[in-house]
C-alpha cells in the first residue's frame, strides 16, 4: 500500500487537469458533440499518459541528478524518498511510454482510418516527438529542462499541439482562428511551469538546473510571468472578437477573475518558496477556463 501511494504521488494527480485543458478547447472547436466521440476520449487518455510519463521522468531525472534534495520546496518525490527505486521508476517510465504510444496509435487510426495515410504518419511522428519530449525534460545528459528550454516545449505541446492537433483530428483541416485559444492554453501552461521554477529557484541554481528562471533571475522572471498571463488573456479576447455570436461566448471570462487575483498575489509575494500554493490555483483556473470555453462553444 505504501508503494502504491508512492506511485500515485509520483503521477502527480494535481497536474492532470491542466494537461487535458488543450484537448477540451480543441475538441469544442472541432465538433459540437465531442463528448460522445471516441476521438475525444482517446485524446484524453493519451494526454493523461503523456503527463504521467513526464511526471515519472521528471521524478527520475531530478532524483538521479540530485536536484531533488532536502532543500527542495514542495512534496517529497518518490525516488527521493527511496520508496521507489531507480530501476522500478525506469520500468514505470518504459511501461507508461509504451502504453501511451498504443493509445496514440488507436487515436490516430480512429480519426484518420486508412483514408488519410499521410495525416496518420504525421501524427504518429508527432506522438513520438511528444513522448520523447516528456522523457527528455529532465532525463539524460541533454535534458532540455536543465538548459532553460522547458517553457518552449510546454507551450508547443500543451498549447499548439494539444489544441490545434485535437481540432485537426476532428476536422481534418487548419483554421487560423484556432491558434488564439492554443496560444492562451500554451502560455497559461508555461505560466504554471514558470511558477514552479520561481518557487524552486534557489535549489535549482545550487543544483545546476539552469531553468529559464535561473537564467533570467527572479526579478526578470516575474516580469516574464506577468507577460505570459497578459498575452494569454489577450489572445483569448482576440478569439472572442472574431467569433462572438451570443452572450454565452463570454462565459470563459469568469476565469479571468482568479487570474487577476493571482497577479495581485504574485506582486505581494517576495519569497519565491511561498509561491507554491499559486501553482495549483493557476493550473485549476486554466482547467476552469477550458471548461467554460467549451460550454460557451457548444451551447
C-alpha atoms as a PDB file:
ATOM      1  CA  UNK A   1       0.000   0.000   0.000  1.00  0.00           C
ATOM      2  CA  UNK A   2       2.886   2.369   0.792  1.00  0.00           C
ATOM      3  CA  UNK A   3       4.457   1.726  -2.621  1.00  0.00           C
ATOM      4  CA  UNK A   4       1.087   2.167  -4.353  1.00  0.00           C
ATOM      5  CA  UNK A   5       0.678   5.559  -2.683  1.00  0.00           C
ATOM      6  CA  UNK A   6       4.210   6.448  -3.795  1.00  0.00           C
ATOM      7  CA  UNK A   7       3.311   5.687  -7.436  1.00  0.00           C
ATOM      8  CA  UNK A   8       0.168   7.805  -7.132  1.00  0.00           C
ATOM      9  CA  UNK A   9       2.265  10.599  -5.662  1.00  0.00           C
ATOM     10  CA  UNK A  10       4.810  10.259  -8.491  1.00  0.00           C
ATOM     11  CA  UNK A  11       1.984  10.531 -11.034  1.00  0.00           C
ATOM     12  CA  UNK A  12       1.190  13.952  -9.501  1.00  0.00           C
ATOM     13  CA  UNK A  13      -2.554  13.896  -9.997  1.00  0.00           C
ATOM     14  CA  UNK A  14      -2.868  17.638  -9.419  1.00  0.00           C
ATOM     15  CA  UNK A  15      -1.119  18.233 -12.771  1.00  0.00           C
ATOM     16  CA  UNK A  16      -3.625  16.179 -14.780  1.00  0.00           C
ATOM     17  CA  UNK A  17      -6.484  18.731 -15.124  1.00  0.00           C
ATOM     18  CA  UNK A  18      -4.096  21.233 -16.710  1.00  0.00           C
ATOM     19  CA  UNK A  19      -2.860  18.635 -19.198  1.00  0.00           C
ATOM     20  CA  UNK A  20      -6.334  17.998 -20.647  1.00  0.00           C
ATOM     21  CA  UNK A  21      -7.274  21.689 -20.950  1.00  0.00           C
ATOM     22  CA  UNK A  22      -5.971  21.894 -24.514  1.00  0.00           C
ATOM     23  CA  UNK A  23      -7.883  18.767 -25.521  1.00  0.00           C
ATOM     24  CA  UNK A  24     -11.117  20.299 -24.241  1.00  0.00           C
ATOM     25  CA  UNK A  25     -10.539  23.599 -26.053  1.00  0.00           C
ATOM     26  CA  UNK A  26      -9.507  21.966 -29.333  1.00  0.00           C
ATOM     27  CA  UNK A  27     -12.364  19.465 -29.274  1.00  0.00           C
ATOM     28  CA  UNK A  28     -15.010  22.098 -28.556  1.00  0.00           C
ATOM     29  CA  UNK A  29     -13.962  23.986 -31.660  1.00  0.00           C
ATOM     30  CA  UNK A  30     -13.729  20.859 -33.779  1.00  0.00           C
ATOM     31  CA  UNK A  31     -17.018  19.120 -33.005  1.00  0.00           C
ATOM     32  CA  UNK A  32     -20.041  20.257 -31.028  1.00  0.00           C
ATOM     33  CA  UNK A  33     -20.898  16.835 -29.578  1.00  0.00           C
ATOM     34  CA  UNK A  34     -17.281  15.946 -28.869  1.00  0.00           C
ATOM     35  CA  UNK A  35     -18.051  14.340 -25.501  1.00  0.00           C
ATOM     36  CA  UNK A  36     -19.791  11.465 -27.277  1.00  0.00           C
ATOM     37  CA  UNK A  37     -16.859  10.648 -29.579  1.00  0.00           C
ATOM     38  CA  UNK A  38     -14.169   8.002 -29.276  1.00  0.00           C
ATOM     39  CA  UNK A  39     -11.657  10.514 -30.661  1.00  0.00           C
ATOM     40  CA  UNK A  40     -12.120  12.806 -27.671  1.00  0.00           C
ATOM     41  CA  UNK A  41     -11.754  10.112 -25.028  1.00  0.00           C
ATOM     42  CA  UNK A  42      -8.733   8.548 -26.701  1.00  0.00           C
ATOM     43  CA  UNK A  43      -7.183  12.024 -26.890  1.00  0.00           C
ATOM     44  CA  UNK A  44      -7.855  12.493 -23.168  1.00  0.00           C
ATOM     45  CA  UNK A  45      -6.288   9.136 -22.244  1.00  0.00           C
ATOM     46  CA  UNK A  46      -3.276   9.767 -24.487  1.00  0.00           C
ATOM     47  CA  UNK A  47      -2.707  13.192 -22.972  1.00  0.00           C
ATOM     48  CA  UNK A  48      -3.015  11.869 -19.434  1.00  0.00           C
ATOM     49  CA  UNK A  49      -0.475   9.190 -20.348  1.00  0.00           C
ATOM     50  CA  UNK A  50       1.937  11.826 -21.629  1.00  0.00           C
ATOM     51  CA  UNK A  51       1.545  13.909 -18.476  1.00  0.00           C
ATOM     52  CA  UNK A  52       2.073  10.949 -16.144  1.00  0.00           C
ATOM     53  CA  UNK A  53       5.055   9.870 -18.256  1.00  0.00           C
ATOM     54  CA  UNK A  54       6.510  13.365 -17.926  1.00  0.00           C
ATOM     55  CA  UNK A  55       5.963  13.301 -14.162  1.00  0.00           C
ATOM     56  CA  UNK A  56       7.668   9.912 -13.785  1.00  0.00           C
ATOM     57  CA  UNK A  57      10.575  11.021 -15.968  1.00  0.00           C
ATOM     58  CA  UNK A  58      10.865  14.277 -14.012  1.00  0.00           C
ATOM     59  CA  UNK A  59      10.944  12.340 -10.750  1.00  0.00           C
ATOM     60  CA  UNK A  60      13.640  10.043 -12.149  1.00  0.00           C
ATOM     61  CA  UNK A  61      15.749  12.749 -13.819  1.00  0.00           C
ATOM     62  CA  UNK A  62      15.793  15.158 -10.891  1.00  0.00           C
ATOM     63  CA  UNK A  63      16.321  12.279  -8.460  1.00  0.00           C
ATOM     64  CA  UNK A  64      19.314  10.845 -10.333  1.00  0.00           C
ATOM     65  CA  UNK A  65      20.876  14.286 -10.813  1.00  0.00           C
ATOM     66  CA  UNK A  66      20.471  15.174  -7.147  1.00  0.00           C
ATOM     67  CA  UNK A  67      18.208  18.150  -7.806  1.00  0.00           C
ATOM     68  CA  UNK A  68      15.597  16.627  -5.521  1.00  0.00           C
ATOM     69  CA  UNK A  69      17.257  17.029  -2.135  1.00  0.00           C
ATOM     70  CA  UNK A  70      16.446  18.230   1.371  1.00  0.00           C
ATOM     71  CA  UNK A  71      16.393  21.845   0.167  1.00  0.00           C
ATOM     72  CA  UNK A  72      13.654  21.240  -2.390  1.00  0.00           C
ATOM     73  CA  UNK A  73      10.327  23.015  -1.760  1.00  0.00           C
ATOM     74  CA  UNK A  74       7.094  21.046  -2.129  1.00  0.00           C
ATOM     75  CA  UNK A  75       6.151  17.402  -1.551  1.00  0.00           C
ATOM     76  CA  UNK A  76       8.912  14.810  -1.458  1.00  0.00           C
ATOM     77  CA  UNK A  77       9.402  12.920  -4.728  1.00  0.00           C
ATOM     78  CA  UNK A  78       9.071   9.125  -4.946  1.00  0.00           C
ATOM     79  CA  UNK A  79      12.683   8.437  -5.930  1.00  0.00           C
ATOM     80  CA  UNK A  80      13.944  10.945  -3.380  1.00  0.00           C
ATOM     81  CA  UNK A  81      12.011   9.156  -0.631  1.00  0.00           C
ATOM     82  CA  UNK A  82      13.581   5.799  -1.501  1.00  0.00           C
ATOM     83  CA  UNK A  83      10.210   4.039  -1.598  1.00  0.00           C
ATOM     84  CA  UNK A  84      10.571   3.528  -5.350  1.00  0.00           C
ATOM     85  CA  UNK A  85      13.996   2.528  -6.679  1.00  0.00           C
ATOM     86  CA  UNK A  86      15.695   3.871  -9.809  1.00  0.00           C
ATOM     87  CA  UNK A  87      15.123   0.563 -11.579  1.00  0.00           C
ATOM     88  CA  UNK A  88      11.432   0.486 -10.662  1.00  0.00           C
ATOM     89  CA  UNK A  89      10.906   4.073 -11.799  1.00  0.00           C
ATOM     90  CA  UNK A  90      12.708   3.384 -15.080  1.00  0.00           C
ATOM     91  CA  UNK A  91      10.467   0.356 -15.697  1.00  0.00           C
ATOM     92  CA  UNK A  92       7.456   2.552 -14.898  1.00  0.00           C
ATOM     93  CA  UNK A  93       8.638   5.110 -17.452  1.00  0.00           C
ATOM     94  CA  UNK A  94       9.063   2.475 -20.180  1.00  0.00           C
ATOM     95  CA  UNK A  95       5.677   0.904 -19.418  1.00  0.00           C
ATOM     96  CA  UNK A  96       3.897   4.275 -19.446  1.00  0.00           C
ATOM     97  CA  UNK A  97       5.630   5.307 -22.677  1.00  0.00           C
ATOM     98  CA  UNK A  98       4.592   2.099 -24.489  1.00  0.00           C
ATOM     99  CA  UNK A  99       1.019   2.294 -23.184  1.00  0.00           C
ATOM    100  CA  UNK A 100       0.740   5.951 -24.192  1.00  0.00           C
ATOM    101  CA  UNK A 101       2.063   5.172 -27.677  1.00  0.00           C
ATOM    102  CA  UNK A 102      -0.563   2.430 -28.081  1.00  0.00           C
ATOM    103  CA  UNK A 103      -3.312   4.864 -27.117  1.00  0.00           C
ATOM    104  CA  UNK A 104      -1.876   7.415 -29.563  1.00  0.00           C
ATOM    105  CA  UNK A 105      -1.935   4.845 -32.374  1.00  0.00           C
ATOM    106  CA  UNK A 106      -5.549   3.981 -31.536  1.00  0.00           C
ATOM    107  CA  UNK A 107      -6.412   7.688 -31.585  1.00  0.00           C
ATOM    108  CA  UNK A 108      -4.732   8.217 -34.954  1.00  0.00           C
ATOM    109  CA  UNK A 109      -6.450   5.207 -36.522  1.00  0.00           C
ATOM    110  CA  UNK A 110      -9.848   6.202 -35.105  1.00  0.00           C
ATOM    111  CA  UNK A 111      -9.521   9.703 -36.557  1.00  0.00           C
ATOM    112  CA  UNK A 112      -7.900   9.009 -39.917  1.00  0.00           C
ATOM    113  CA  UNK A 113      -8.521   5.319 -40.633  1.00  0.00           C
ATOM    114  CA  UNK A 114      -6.998   4.211 -43.936  1.00  0.00           C
ATOM    115  CA  UNK A 115      -8.185   7.241 -45.866  1.00  0.00           C
ATOM    116  CA  UNK A 116      -5.650   9.783 -44.635  1.00  0.00           C
ATOM    117  CA  UNK A 117      -2.375   7.854 -44.605  1.00  0.00           C
ATOM    118  CA  UNK A 118      -0.114  10.916 -44.706  1.00  0.00           C
ATOM    119  CA  UNK A 119      -2.010  12.508 -41.834  1.00  0.00           C
ATOM    120  CA  UNK A 120      -1.566   9.279 -39.863  1.00  0.00           C
ATOM    121  CA  UNK A 121       2.181   9.279 -40.475  1.00  0.00           C
ATOM    122  CA  UNK A 122       2.482  12.946 -39.491  1.00  0.00           C
ATOM    123  CA  UNK A 123       0.541  12.438 -36.240  1.00  0.00           C
ATOM    124  CA  UNK A 124       2.482   9.261 -35.431  1.00  0.00           C
ATOM    125  CA  UNK A 125       5.721  11.245 -35.692  1.00  0.00           C
ATOM    126  CA  UNK A 126       4.135  13.982 -33.592  1.00  0.00           C
ATOM    127  CA  UNK A 127       3.148  11.385 -30.991  1.00  0.00           C
ATOM    128  CA  UNK A 128       6.689  10.017 -30.836  1.00  0.00           C
ATOM    129  CA  UNK A 129       8.023  13.570 -30.501  1.00  0.00           C
ATOM    130  CA  UNK A 130       5.632  14.218 -27.594  1.00  0.00           C
ATOM    131  CA  UNK A 131       6.772  11.033 -25.821  1.00  0.00           C
ATOM    132  CA  UNK A 132      10.436  11.899 -26.311  1.00  0.00           C
ATOM    133  CA  UNK A 133       9.809  15.453 -25.103  1.00  0.00           C
ATOM    134  CA  UNK A 134       8.037  14.135 -21.991  1.00  0.00           C
ATOM    135  CA  UNK A 135      11.039  11.938 -21.155  1.00  0.00           C
ATOM    136  CA  UNK A 136      13.843  14.324 -22.068  1.00  0.00           C
ATOM    137  CA  UNK A 137      12.681  17.216 -19.888  1.00  0.00           C
ATOM    138  CA  UNK A 138      14.953  16.125 -17.042  1.00  0.00           C
ATOM    139  CA  UNK A 139      16.357  12.740 -18.117  1.00  0.00           C
ATOM    140  CA  UNK A 140      19.737  12.300 -19.760  1.00  0.00           C
ATOM    141  CA  UNK A 141      22.788  14.499 -20.185  1.00  0.00           C
ATOM    142  CA  UNK A 142      20.990  16.683 -22.744  1.00  0.00           C
ATOM    143  CA  UNK A 143      17.823  17.261 -20.679  1.00  0.00           C
ATOM    144  CA  UNK A 144      16.295  20.439 -22.084  1.00  0.00           C
ATOM    145  CA  UNK A 145      14.729  21.384 -18.744  1.00  0.00           C
ATOM    146  CA  UNK A 146      18.261  21.938 -17.442  1.00  0.00           C
ATOM    147  CA  UNK A 147      19.008  24.350 -20.306  1.00  0.00           C
ATOM    148  CA  UNK A 148      16.090  26.724 -19.878  1.00  0.00           C
ATOM    149  CA  UNK A 149      14.028  25.281 -22.744  1.00  0.00           C
ATOM    150  CA  UNK A 150      11.168  23.790 -20.745  1.00  0.00           C
ATOM    151  CA  UNK A 151       8.851  26.755 -21.324  1.00  0.00           C
ATOM    152  CA  UNK A 152       9.135  26.446 -25.104  1.00  0.00           C
ATOM    153  CA  UNK A 153       8.306  22.749 -25.116  1.00  0.00           C
ATOM    154  CA  UNK A 154       5.383  23.240 -22.720  1.00  0.00           C
ATOM    155  CA  UNK A 155       3.981  25.996 -24.931  1.00  0.00           C
ATOM    156  CA  UNK A 156       4.320  23.859 -28.055  1.00  0.00           C
ATOM    157  CA  UNK A 157       2.943  20.561 -26.750  1.00  0.00           C
ATOM    158  CA  UNK A 158       0.401  21.735 -24.145  1.00  0.00           C
ATOM    159  CA  UNK A 159      -0.793  24.611 -26.288  1.00  0.00           C
ATOM    160  CA  UNK A 160      -0.275  24.397 -30.030  1.00  0.00           C
ATOM    161  CA  UNK A 161      -0.117  20.623 -30.443  1.00  0.00           C
ATOM    162  CA  UNK A 162      -2.866  19.896 -27.924  1.00  0.00           C
ATOM    163  CA  UNK A 163      -5.427  22.437 -29.141  1.00  0.00           C
ATOM    164  CA  UNK A 164      -4.690  22.613 -32.863  1.00  0.00           C
ATOM    165  CA  UNK A 165      -3.874  18.915 -33.083  1.00  0.00           C
ATOM    166  CA  UNK A 166      -7.157  17.921 -31.453  1.00  0.00           C
ATOM    167  CA  UNK A 167      -9.073  20.329 -33.681  1.00  0.00           C
ATOM    168  CA  UNK A 168      -7.423  18.731 -36.724  1.00  0.00           C
ATOM    169  CA  UNK A 169      -8.286  15.218 -35.539  1.00  0.00           C
ATOM    170  CA  UNK A 170     -11.949  16.181 -35.773  1.00  0.00           C
ATOM    171  CA  UNK A 171     -11.993  18.452 -38.812  1.00  0.00           C
ATOM    172  CA  UNK A 172      -9.012  17.309 -40.957  1.00  0.00           C
ATOM    173  CA  UNK A 173      -8.236  20.991 -41.597  1.00  0.00           C
ATOM    174  CA  UNK A 174      -6.493  24.007 -40.094  1.00  0.00           C
ATOM    175  CA  UNK A 175      -8.076  27.351 -39.266  1.00  0.00           C
ATOM    176  CA  UNK A 176      -6.046  30.380 -38.186  1.00  0.00           C
ATOM    177  CA  UNK A 177      -8.621  31.308 -35.541  1.00  0.00           C
ATOM    178  CA  UNK A 178      -7.825  28.144 -33.571  1.00  0.00           C
ATOM    179  CA  UNK A 179      -4.321  29.442 -32.926  1.00  0.00           C
ATOM    180  CA  UNK A 180      -5.561  32.090 -30.484  1.00  0.00           C
ATOM    181  CA  UNK A 181      -7.018  29.681 -27.874  1.00  0.00           C
ATOM    182  CA  UNK A 182      -3.999  27.435 -28.482  1.00  0.00           C
ATOM    183  CA  UNK A 183      -1.693  30.318 -27.600  1.00  0.00           C
ATOM    184  CA  UNK A 184      -3.753  31.008 -24.470  1.00  0.00           C
ATOM    185  CA  UNK A 185      -3.590  27.437 -23.173  1.00  0.00           C
ATOM    186  CA  UNK A 186       0.087  27.138 -24.082  1.00  0.00           C
ATOM    187  CA  UNK A 187       1.055  30.342 -22.293  1.00  0.00           C
ATOM    188  CA  UNK A 188      -1.001  29.516 -19.194  1.00  0.00           C
ATOM    189  CA  UNK A 189       0.707  26.110 -19.076  1.00  0.00           C
ATOM    190  CA  UNK A 190       4.074  27.862 -19.344  1.00  0.00           C
ATOM    191  CA  UNK A 191       2.913  30.143 -16.517  1.00  0.00           C
ATOM    192  CA  UNK A 192       2.482  27.125 -14.246  1.00  0.00           C
ATOM    193  CA  UNK A 193       5.965  25.885 -15.132  1.00  0.00           C
ATOM    194  CA  UNK A 194       7.416  29.335 -14.524  1.00  0.00           C
ATOM    195  CA  UNK A 195       5.766  29.443 -11.098  1.00  0.00           C
ATOM    196  CA  UNK A 196       7.257  26.046 -10.323  1.00  0.00           C
ATOM    197  CA  UNK A 197      10.689  27.241 -11.404  1.00  0.00           C
ATOM    198  CA  UNK A 198      10.398  30.500  -9.461  1.00  0.00           C
ATOM    199  CA  UNK A 199       9.468  28.524  -6.366  1.00  0.00           C
ATOM    200  CA  UNK A 200      12.476  26.216  -6.851  1.00  0.00           C
ATOM    201  CA  UNK A 201      14.856  28.972  -7.992  1.00  0.00           C
ATOM    202  CA  UNK A 202      17.348  28.735  -5.144  1.00  0.00           C
ATOM    203  CA  UNK A 203      17.584  24.946  -5.093  1.00  0.00           C
ATOM    204  CA  UNK A 204      17.718  24.705  -8.915  1.00  0.00           C
ATOM    205  CA  UNK A 205      20.502  27.287  -9.059  1.00  0.00           C
ATOM    206  CA  UNK A 206      22.535  25.460  -6.425  1.00  0.00           C
ATOM    207  CA  UNK A 207      21.942  22.099  -8.148  1.00  0.00           C
ATOM    208  CA  UNK A 208      22.967  23.268 -11.616  1.00  0.00           C
ATOM    209  CA  UNK A 209      19.484  23.098 -13.090  1.00  0.00           C
ATOM    210  CA  UNK A 210      19.560  26.132 -15.364  1.00  0.00           C
ATOM    211  CA  UNK A 211      15.859  26.780 -15.842  1.00  0.00           C
ATOM    212  CA  UNK A 212      14.743  29.956 -17.566  1.00  0.00           C
ATOM    213  CA  UNK A 213      14.157  31.469 -14.129  1.00  0.00           C
ATOM    214  CA  UNK A 214      17.747  30.717 -13.105  1.00  0.00           C
ATOM    215  CA  UNK A 215      18.978  32.318 -16.324  1.00  0.00           C
ATOM    216  CA  UNK A 216      16.762  35.387 -16.007  1.00  0.00           C
ATOM    217  CA  UNK A 217      16.887  35.894 -12.268  1.00  0.00           C
ATOM    218  CA  UNK A 218      13.801  36.296 -10.072  1.00  0.00           C
ATOM    219  CA  UNK A 219      13.041  39.919 -10.997  1.00  0.00           C
ATOM    220  CA  UNK A 220      13.014  39.335 -14.753  1.00  0.00           C
ATOM    221  CA  UNK A 221      11.234  36.016 -14.240  1.00  0.00           C
ATOM    222  CA  UNK A 222       8.402  37.872 -12.500  1.00  0.00           C
ATOM    223  CA  UNK A 223       8.127  40.309 -15.421  1.00  0.00           C
ATOM    224  CA  UNK A 224       8.149  37.334 -17.799  1.00  0.00           C
ATOM    225  CA  UNK A 225       5.446  35.710 -15.672  1.00  0.00           C
ATOM    226  CA  UNK A 226       3.114  38.690 -15.898  1.00  0.00           C
ATOM    227  CA  UNK A 227       3.789  38.936 -19.638  1.00  0.00           C
ATOM    228  CA  UNK A 228       2.723  35.323 -20.143  1.00  0.00           C
ATOM    229  CA  UNK A 229      -0.546  35.956 -18.311  1.00  0.00           C
ATOM    230  CA  UNK A 230      -1.376  39.206 -20.096  1.00  0.00           C
ATOM    231  CA  UNK A 231      -0.652  37.807 -23.563  1.00  0.00           C
ATOM    232  CA  UNK A 232      -2.623  34.641 -22.758  1.00  0.00           C
ATOM    233  CA  UNK A 233      -5.666  36.611 -21.644  1.00  0.00           C
ATOM    234  CA  UNK A 234      -5.391  38.978 -24.610  1.00  0.00           C
ATOM    235  CA  UNK A 235      -5.134  36.119 -27.108  1.00  0.00           C
ATOM    236  CA  UNK A 236      -8.447  34.657 -25.965  1.00  0.00           C
ATOM    237  CA  UNK A 237     -10.039  38.097 -26.205  1.00  0.00           C
ATOM    238  CA  UNK A 238      -8.865  38.305 -29.821  1.00  0.00           C
ATOM    239  CA  UNK A 239     -10.536  34.960 -30.457  1.00  0.00           C
ATOM    240  CA  UNK A 240     -13.713  36.295 -28.881  1.00  0.00           C
ATOM    241  CA  UNK A 241     -13.590  39.389 -31.102  1.00  0.00           C
ATOM    242  CA  UNK A 242     -13.531  37.285 -34.272  1.00  0.00           C
ATOM    243  CA  UNK A 243     -16.030  34.596 -33.216  1.00  0.00           C
ATOM    244  CA  UNK A 244     -18.578  36.272 -30.912  1.00  0.00           C
ATOM    245  CA  UNK A 245     -22.165  35.141 -31.603  1.00  0.00           C
ATOM    246  CA  UNK A 246     -24.038  35.329 -28.297  1.00  0.00           C
ATOM    247  CA  UNK A 247     -23.504  36.261 -24.604  1.00  0.00           C
ATOM    248  CA  UNK A 248     -22.787  32.610 -23.715  1.00  0.00           C
ATOM    249  CA  UNK A 249     -19.474  33.003 -25.579  1.00  0.00           C
ATOM    250  CA  UNK A 250     -18.384  35.380 -22.797  1.00  0.00           C
ATOM    251  CA  UNK A 251     -18.593  32.684 -20.132  1.00  0.00           C
ATOM    252  CA  UNK A 252     -14.863  31.910 -20.097  1.00  0.00           C
ATOM    253  CA  UNK A 253     -14.209  35.473 -18.876  1.00  0.00           C
ATOM    254  CA  UNK A 254     -15.254  34.301 -15.399  1.00  0.00           C
ATOM    255  CA  UNK A 255     -11.882  32.513 -15.218  1.00  0.00           C
ATOM    256  CA  UNK A 256     -10.142  35.865 -15.623  1.00  0.00           C
ATOM    257  CA  UNK A 257     -11.150  36.785 -12.065  1.00  0.00           C
ATOM    258  CA  UNK A 258      -8.830  34.248 -10.347  1.00  0.00           C
ATOM    259  CA  UNK A 259      -6.106  35.061 -12.884  1.00  0.00           C
ATOM    260  CA  UNK A 260      -6.223  38.742 -11.930  1.00  0.00           C
ATOM    261  CA  UNK A 261      -6.229  37.779  -8.251  1.00  0.00           C
ATOM    262  CA  UNK A 262      -3.218  35.584  -8.946  1.00  0.00           C
ATOM    263  CA  UNK A 263      -1.340  38.526 -10.467  1.00  0.00           C
ATOM    264  CA  UNK A 264      -2.093  40.535  -7.323  1.00  0.00           C
ATOM    265  CA  UNK A 265      -0.855  37.687  -5.101  1.00  0.00           C
ATOM    266  CA  UNK A 266       2.407  37.262  -7.009  1.00  0.00           C
ATOM    267  CA  UNK A 267       3.031  41.010  -6.761  1.00  0.00           C
ATOM    268  CA  UNK A 268       2.752  40.722  -2.972  1.00  0.00           C
ATOM    269  CA  UNK A 269       4.908  37.600  -2.555  1.00  0.00           C
ATOM    270  CA  UNK A 270       8.613  38.409  -2.237  1.00  0.00           C
ATOM    271  CA  UNK A 271       9.855  34.982  -1.081  1.00  0.00           C
ATOM    272  CA  UNK A 272       9.906  32.527  -4.050  1.00  0.00           C
ATOM    273  CA  UNK A 273       9.214  29.471  -1.861  1.00  0.00           C
ATOM    274  CA  UNK A 274       5.844  30.967  -0.862  1.00  0.00           C
ATOM    275  CA  UNK A 275       4.607  30.780  -4.462  1.00  0.00           C
ATOM    276  CA  UNK A 276       3.804  27.067  -4.118  1.00  0.00           C
ATOM    277  CA  UNK A 277       0.021  27.493  -3.467  1.00  0.00           C
ATOM    278  CA  UNK A 278      -0.270  29.616  -6.625  1.00  0.00           C
ATOM    279  CA  UNK A 279       0.712  26.659  -8.846  1.00  0.00           C
ATOM    280  CA  UNK A 280      -2.483  24.790  -8.061  1.00  0.00           C
ATOM    281  CA  UNK A 281      -4.585  27.936  -8.448  1.00  0.00           C
ATOM    282  CA  UNK A 282      -3.319  28.741 -11.945  1.00  0.00           C
ATOM    283  CA  UNK A 283      -3.496  25.111 -13.087  1.00  0.00           C
ATOM    284  CA  UNK A 284      -7.104  24.743 -11.908  1.00  0.00           C
ATOM    285  CA  UNK A 285      -8.025  28.164 -13.301  1.00  0.00           C
ATOM    286  CA  UNK A 286      -6.730  27.083 -16.720  1.00  0.00           C
ATOM    287  CA  UNK A 287      -8.850  23.945 -16.458  1.00  0.00           C
ATOM    288  CA  UNK A 288     -11.836  26.080 -15.424  1.00  0.00           C
ATOM    289  CA  UNK A 289     -11.269  28.389 -18.373  1.00  0.00           C
ATOM    290  CA  UNK A 290     -11.234  25.417 -20.755  1.00  0.00           C
ATOM    291  CA  UNK A 291     -14.497  24.046 -19.349  1.00  0.00           C
ATOM    292  CA  UNK A 292     -16.233  27.424 -19.511  1.00  0.00           C
ATOM    293  CA  UNK A 293     -14.900  27.904 -23.036  1.00  0.00           C
ATOM    294  CA  UNK A 294     -16.379  24.531 -24.048  1.00  0.00           C
ATOM    295  CA  UNK A 295     -19.768  25.428 -22.601  1.00  0.00           C
ATOM    296  CA  UNK A 296     -19.692  28.736 -24.444  1.00  0.00           C
ATOM    297  CA  UNK A 297     -18.907  26.971 -27.705  1.00  0.00           C
ATOM    298  CA  UNK A 298     -21.402  24.102 -27.642  1.00  0.00           C
ATOM    299  CA  UNK A 299     -24.482  25.791 -26.144  1.00  0.00           C
END
